Amino acid sequence: MSAKKPDISTIIQLIVVCVLATFSAFATKPCLAAEPAENSLKVLIVAGGCCHDYTSQTKLLKEGIEARINAEVTVVLSSDTSTKATFKIYESDDWAKGFDVVIHDECSANVTDKPYIDRILNAHRAGTPAVNLHCAMHSYRSGNFRAPVDIGADNAAWYEMIGVQSTGHGPKTPIDVIFSDSSHPITKGLKNWKTINEELYNNVRVYSGTSVLVNGNQKTQPNKKELKKNPDAKGKEATAVVGWTNEYGPKKTRIFSTSLGHQNETVADDRYLDFVTRGILWATSNLTDEGKPSSKYAKPKS
């Protein structure tokens, strides 16, 4: 007597049981579990406003930073090219939530609304580190900002975070970048260099507590008017702080700033990107004493 063949429904039930058993077995194996996301430093760049090619420069910064360390760079870019550029992200009290560090690369000289500025600064007072680039030094200024501003003055808030007060710059000529503190982790091992035609920002005040890392020297030739008045006129030389650190607010939040970075070619320069990336790592306490990224954010060696 031949064995009874199973009907089609029985076959389907057996297949389902086998499939479920297989998935159950795989699910219990740790090696097949989903891998955690790669460690990455969450970096926010806020950029836009007057006088610079922020579309290109934010791209250069994002690519340069992510090529050097394990970082995820988010860019908030304003299309407003005036000195009154504002950013929707700053309308929220918790605008910096989820980011390890904020790069201020905005040029908003004529934005003076105090509640708006306080919302920006409150994030840094609460402990979010900041990196300030170039025209950020000339943003959010009010009152008689061309005169020295004292700590605690009504128009001092932005300067207190940055650590240096600047009001303008000279002609666009090359700057000798001199690492005056070569022992700091940000500058250790970095070599002096000369920029292309750049803007040397003046220093009206360098506040107490600011640590100067880099100076810039700029030589200019006499212009036609000066030569007409005095054919023997000689060029002028200006010196200013161009890179520094500061601790801000009750939590002594780490702040790194450089006034370099007007030209796209400067921002694209490996020496500039190395310097800025080290500033980011220092601000977030992820830079070793030797100027290297902490193991968490170091790129694997090829």
Protein backbone atom coordinates (compact mmCIF):
# COMPACT_ATOMS: atom_id res chain seq x y z
CA MET A 1 0.00 0.00 0.00
CA SER A 2 1.55 3.33 -1.14
CA ALA A 3 2.05 6.24 1.26
CA LYS A 4 -0.49 9.00 1.06
CA LYS A 5 0.88 12.08 -0.68
CA PRO A 6 0.59 15.32 1.37
CA ASP A 7 -1.87 17.79 -0.06
CA ILE A 8 -0.73 21.22 -1.27
CA SER A 9 -1.84 23.00 1.94
CA THR A 10 0.37 20.76 4.05
CA ILE A 11 3.36 21.47 1.80
CA ILE A 12 2.81 25.24 2.15
CA GLN A 13 2.58 24.93 5.94
CA LEU A 14 5.86 23.00 6.04
CA ILE A 15 7.61 25.65 3.91
CA VAL A 16 6.37 28.46 6.15
CA VAL A 17 7.57 26.64 9.28
CA CYS A 18 11.03 26.13 7.74
CA VAL A 19 11.34 29.76 6.64
CA LEU A 20 10.33 31.06 10.08
CA ALA A 21 12.76 28.71 11.80
CA THR A 22 15.57 29.86 9.52
CA PHE A 23 14.93 33.57 10.23
CA SER A 24 14.70 32.84 13.94
CA ALA A 25 18.05 31.10 13.91
CA PHE A 26 19.73 33.98 12.06
CA ALA A 27 18.20 36.57 14.39
CA THR A 28 19.90 34.98 17.38
CA LYS A 29 23.36 35.33 15.84
CA PRO A 30 25.09 38.56 16.94
CA CYS A 31 27.32 38.59 13.87
CA LEU A 32 24.27 39.17 11.68
CA ALA A 33 22.80 41.96 13.76
CA ALA A 34 22.72 45.45 12.26
CA GLU A 35 26.03 47.27 12.62
CA PRO A 36 25.94 50.53 14.58
CA ALA A 37 26.46 53.74 12.60
CA GLU A 38 30.06 54.95 12.31
CA ASN A 39 31.11 57.43 14.98
CA SER A 40 30.94 60.90 13.52
CA LEU A 41 31.28 64.39 14.94
CA LYS A 42 28.09 66.34 14.27
CA VAL A 43 29.15 69.70 12.81
CA LEU A 44 26.80 72.53 11.87
CA ILE A 45 27.95 75.30 9.50
CA VAL A 46 25.81 78.44 9.42
CA ALA A 47 26.88 80.61 6.50
CA GLY A 48 25.67 83.45 4.30
CA GLY A 49 25.38 87.17 4.08
CA CYS A 50 27.59 89.80 2.59
CA CYS A 51 30.76 89.80 0.60
CA HIS A 52 31.78 86.15 0.15
CA ASP A 53 31.13 83.12 -2.06
CA TYR A 54 29.49 81.07 0.66
CA THR A 55 28.05 78.52 -1.76
CA SER A 56 31.56 77.45 -2.76
CA GLN A 57 33.17 77.96 0.63
CA THR A 58 30.68 75.83 2.56
CA LYS A 59 31.20 73.05 0.03
CA LEU A 60 34.96 73.32 0.47
CA LEU A 61 34.64 73.32 4.26
CA LYS A 62 32.27 70.36 4.35
CA GLU A 63 34.39 68.24 2.02
CA GLY A 64 37.63 69.28 3.70
CA ILE A 65 36.46 68.52 7.23
CA GLU A 66 34.83 65.21 6.34
CA ALA A 67 38.00 64.15 4.48
CA ARG A 68 40.12 64.76 7.58
CA ILE A 69 38.03 63.34 10.43
CA ASN A 70 34.96 61.22 11.00
CA ALA A 71 32.43 64.02 10.79
CA GLU A 72 28.96 64.63 9.49
CA VAL A 73 28.77 68.27 8.38
CA THR A 74 25.37 69.94 7.99
CA VAL A 75 25.24 73.26 6.14
CA VAL A 76 22.61 75.95 6.72
CA LEU A 77 23.14 78.46 3.91
CA SER A 78 21.30 81.76 3.45
CA SER A 79 20.69 83.09 -0.04
CA ASP A 80 20.66 86.63 1.38
CA THR A 81 23.87 88.35 0.27
CA SER A 82 23.36 91.50 2.31
CA THR A 83 24.68 92.52 5.72
CA LYS A 84 21.19 91.86 7.12
CA ALA A 85 21.13 88.10 6.48
CA THR A 86 19.28 86.14 9.16
CA PHE A 87 18.80 82.41 9.58
CA LYS A 88 15.57 80.58 10.30
CA ILE A 89 17.41 77.98 12.38
CA TYR A 90 18.14 80.66 15.00
CA GLU A 91 14.44 81.24 15.59
CA SER A 92 14.31 78.16 17.84
CA ASP A 93 15.65 78.19 21.40
CA ASP A 94 17.14 74.72 20.91
CA TRP A 95 18.58 75.45 17.47
CA ALA A 96 21.94 73.77 18.27
CA LYS A 97 20.42 70.56 19.63
CA GLY A 98 21.99 67.45 18.15
CA PHE A 99 25.23 69.15 17.07
CA ASP A 100 28.62 68.78 18.73
CA VAL A 101 29.97 72.08 17.42
CA VAL A 102 28.75 75.08 15.41
CA ILE A 103 30.83 76.87 12.79
CA HIS A 104 29.76 80.51 12.46
CA ASP A 105 30.62 81.62 8.94
CA GLU A 106 27.97 84.28 8.55
CA CYS A 107 28.48 87.92 7.57
CA SER A 108 25.56 89.71 9.21
CA ALA A 109 27.05 93.02 10.27
CA ASN A 110 23.77 94.91 10.45
CA VAL A 111 21.72 92.34 12.35
CA THR A 112 21.27 93.94 15.78
CA ASP A 113 18.10 92.36 17.20
CA LYS A 114 19.11 91.52 20.76
CA PRO A 115 16.68 88.59 21.40
CA TYR A 116 17.83 87.01 18.13
CA ILE A 117 21.51 87.37 19.05
CA ASP A 118 20.87 86.13 22.59
CA ARG A 119 19.28 82.94 21.20
CA ILE A 120 22.45 82.29 19.24
CA LEU A 121 24.71 82.95 22.20
CA ASN A 122 22.58 81.03 24.69
CA ALA A 123 23.49 77.78 22.95
CA HIS A 124 27.18 78.53 23.52
CA ARG A 125 26.62 79.74 27.07
CA ALA A 126 24.95 76.37 27.66
CA GLY A 127 28.01 74.49 26.43
CA THR A 128 27.87 74.04 22.64
CA PRO A 129 31.36 74.83 21.30
CA ALA A 130 31.82 77.32 18.47
CA VAL A 131 34.26 77.90 15.65
CA ASN A 132 34.19 81.41 14.15
CA LEU A 133 35.51 82.07 10.67
CA HIS A 134 36.44 85.34 8.99
CA CYS A 135 33.39 87.62 8.70
CA ALA A 136 31.80 86.15 11.82
CA MET A 137 34.12 88.62 13.58
CA HIS A 138 32.21 91.50 11.96
CA SER A 139 28.69 90.19 12.59
CA TYR A 140 25.99 91.20 15.08
CA ARG A 141 27.59 94.53 15.98
CA SER A 142 25.75 97.57 17.27
CA GLY A 143 26.26 100.88 19.01
CA ASN A 144 29.63 102.55 18.69
CA PHE A 145 31.35 99.34 17.66
CA ARG A 146 34.30 101.17 16.09
CA ALA A 147 35.47 102.29 19.52
CA PRO A 148 36.87 99.78 22.04
CA VAL A 149 33.98 97.90 23.65
CA ASP A 150 34.22 96.89 27.31
CA ILE A 151 33.12 93.50 28.59
CA GLY A 152 29.60 93.83 29.95
CA ALA A 153 28.63 96.71 27.67
CA ASP A 154 25.29 96.53 25.86
CA ASN A 155 27.03 95.86 22.55
CA ALA A 156 29.69 93.49 23.88
CA ALA A 157 27.85 90.15 23.78
CA TRP A 158 29.16 88.85 20.46
CA TYR A 159 32.70 90.04 21.18
CA GLU A 160 32.64 88.30 24.56
CA MET A 161 31.98 84.99 22.83
CA ILE A 162 34.64 85.54 20.15
CA GLY A 163 37.30 87.01 22.43
CA VAL A 164 38.54 89.67 20.00
CA GLN A 165 36.95 92.88 18.75
CA SER A 166 37.60 93.74 15.10
CA THR A 167 36.08 96.51 12.99
CA GLY A 168 37.61 96.24 9.54
CA HIS A 169 40.49 95.23 7.33
CA GLY A 170 43.14 96.68 5.06
CA PRO A 171 43.80 96.04 1.37
CA LYS A 172 43.84 92.58 -0.12
CA THR A 173 47.49 91.57 -0.13
CA PRO A 174 49.28 88.40 1.04
CA ILE A 175 49.48 87.70 4.76
CA ASP A 176 52.43 86.00 6.45
CA VAL A 177 50.79 83.49 8.79
CA ILE A 178 53.02 83.04 11.84
CA PHE A 179 52.23 80.37 14.46
CA SER A 180 53.28 82.32 17.53
CA ASP A 181 52.30 79.58 19.99
CA SER A 182 53.74 76.41 18.48
CA SER A 183 53.18 74.37 21.64
CA HIS A 184 49.37 74.43 21.54
CA PRO A 185 47.71 71.25 20.21
CA ILE A 186 46.00 73.27 17.45
CA THR A 187 49.28 74.61 16.10
CA LYS A 188 51.79 71.91 17.04
CA GLY A 189 53.80 70.89 13.99
CA LEU A 190 52.12 73.38 11.64
CA LYS A 191 54.43 75.52 9.52
CA ASN A 192 54.27 79.24 8.87
CA TRP A 193 52.96 80.10 5.42
CA LYS A 194 51.99 83.00 3.18
CA THR A 195 48.46 83.40 1.86
CA ILE A 196 47.40 84.73 -1.49
CA ASN A 197 45.81 88.19 -1.49
CA GLU A 198 43.78 88.18 1.72
CA GLU A 199 42.14 90.49 4.25
CA LEU A 200 43.95 91.15 7.51
CA TYR A 201 41.32 91.97 10.13
CA ASN A 202 42.35 94.58 12.67
CA ASN A 203 42.28 94.05 16.44
CA VAL A 204 40.59 96.84 18.35
CA ARG A 205 40.70 94.72 21.49
CA VAL A 206 42.05 91.32 22.42
CA TYR A 207 40.15 90.49 25.59
CA SER A 208 41.60 89.05 28.76
CA GLY A 209 41.37 85.27 28.66
CA THR A 210 41.95 85.06 24.91
CA SER A 211 44.89 82.83 23.97
CA VAL A 212 46.69 84.03 20.86
CA LEU A 213 47.88 81.22 18.60
CA VAL A 214 48.60 82.87 15.26
CA ASN A 215 49.63 86.33 14.11
CA GLY A 216 49.39 87.76 10.63
CA ASN A 217 51.81 90.25 9.09
CA GLN A 218 50.83 92.15 5.97
CA LYS A 219 52.98 94.50 3.92
CA THR A 220 51.36 96.95 1.53
CA GLN A 221 52.92 99.10 -1.17
CA PRO A 222 52.25 102.85 -1.34
CA ASN A 223 49.32 103.76 -3.55
CA LYS A 224 49.41 106.30 -6.39
CA LYS A 225 48.16 109.10 -4.18
CA GLU A 226 50.88 108.48 -1.61
CA LEU A 227 53.57 108.26 -4.29
CA LYS A 228 52.38 111.47 -5.89
CA LYS A 229 52.66 113.24 -2.55
CA ASN A 230 56.00 111.61 -1.75
CA PRO A 231 57.88 109.71 -4.49
CA ASP A 232 60.03 108.12 -1.77
CA ALA A 233 57.06 106.84 0.19
CA LYS A 234 57.50 103.34 1.56
CA GLY A 235 54.97 100.64 2.08
CA LYS A 236 53.28 100.00 5.40
CA GLU A 237 53.28 96.93 7.57
CA ALA A 238 50.38 95.79 9.72
CA THR A 239 50.23 93.02 12.31
CA ALA A 240 47.14 91.45 13.88
CA VAL A 241 46.03 88.34 15.70
CA VAL A 242 44.47 85.97 13.14
CA GLY A 243 43.93 82.79 15.17
CA TRP A 244 43.04 82.33 18.83
CA THR A 245 41.01 80.44 21.44
CA ASN A 246 38.65 81.61 24.14
CA GLU A 247 36.51 80.14 26.92
CA TYR A 248 33.02 81.56 27.10
CA GLY A 249 30.22 81.72 29.62
CA PRO A 250 29.58 79.93 32.93
CA LYS A 251 30.52 76.55 31.48
CA LYS A 252 33.75 77.87 29.96
CA THR A 253 32.65 76.70 26.54
CA ARG A 254 35.56 76.26 24.17
CA ILE A 255 35.66 78.76 21.29
CA PHE A 256 38.14 78.74 18.39
CA SER A 257 38.36 81.58 15.88
CA THR A 258 40.35 82.60 12.83
CA SER A 259 39.86 85.78 10.82
CA LEU A 260 41.49 84.20 7.77
CA GLY A 261 39.32 82.92 4.94
CA HIS A 262 38.11 85.64 2.56
CA GLN A 263 39.11 84.01 -0.71
CA ASN A 264 37.87 80.66 -1.98
CA GLU A 265 41.47 79.67 -2.71
CA THR A 266 42.40 80.26 0.93
CA VAL A 267 39.49 78.17 2.19
CA ALA A 268 40.51 75.41 -0.23
CA ASP A 269 44.13 75.49 0.95
CA ASP A 270 45.07 72.29 2.80
CA ARG A 271 46.95 74.36 5.39
CA TYR A 272 43.81 76.35 6.17
CA LEU A 273 41.60 73.26 6.32
CA ASP A 274 44.10 71.48 8.59
CA PHE A 275 44.10 74.49 10.92
CA VAL A 276 40.31 74.82 11.03
CA THR A 277 39.82 71.08 11.54
CA ARG A 278 42.20 71.13 14.48
CA GLY A 279 40.23 74.05 15.89
CA ILE A 280 37.03 72.01 15.63
CA LEU A 281 38.63 69.06 17.41
CA TRP A 282 40.07 71.25 20.16
CA ALA A 283 36.75 73.02 20.71
CA THR A 284 35.04 69.65 21.19
CA SER A 285 37.87 68.25 23.37
CA ASN A 286 38.81 65.70 20.73
CA LEU A 287 42.34 66.87 19.91
CA THR A 288 45.31 65.12 21.48
CA ASP A 289 48.26 67.02 22.93
CA GLU A 290 50.16 66.15 19.75
CA GLY A 291 47.57 67.75 17.53
CA LYS A 292 45.94 64.52 16.36
CA PRO A 293 42.24 63.59 16.33
CA SER A 294 41.06 61.40 19.19
CA SER A 295 40.76 57.75 18.18
CA LYS A 296 36.98 58.10 17.98
CA TYR A 297 37.12 60.60 15.14
CA ALA A 298 40.41 59.71 13.45
CA LYS A 299 40.17 58.51 9.88
CA PRO A 300 41.49 54.95 9.46
CA LYS A 301 44.96 54.79 7.90
CA SER A 302 44.92 53.66 4.30
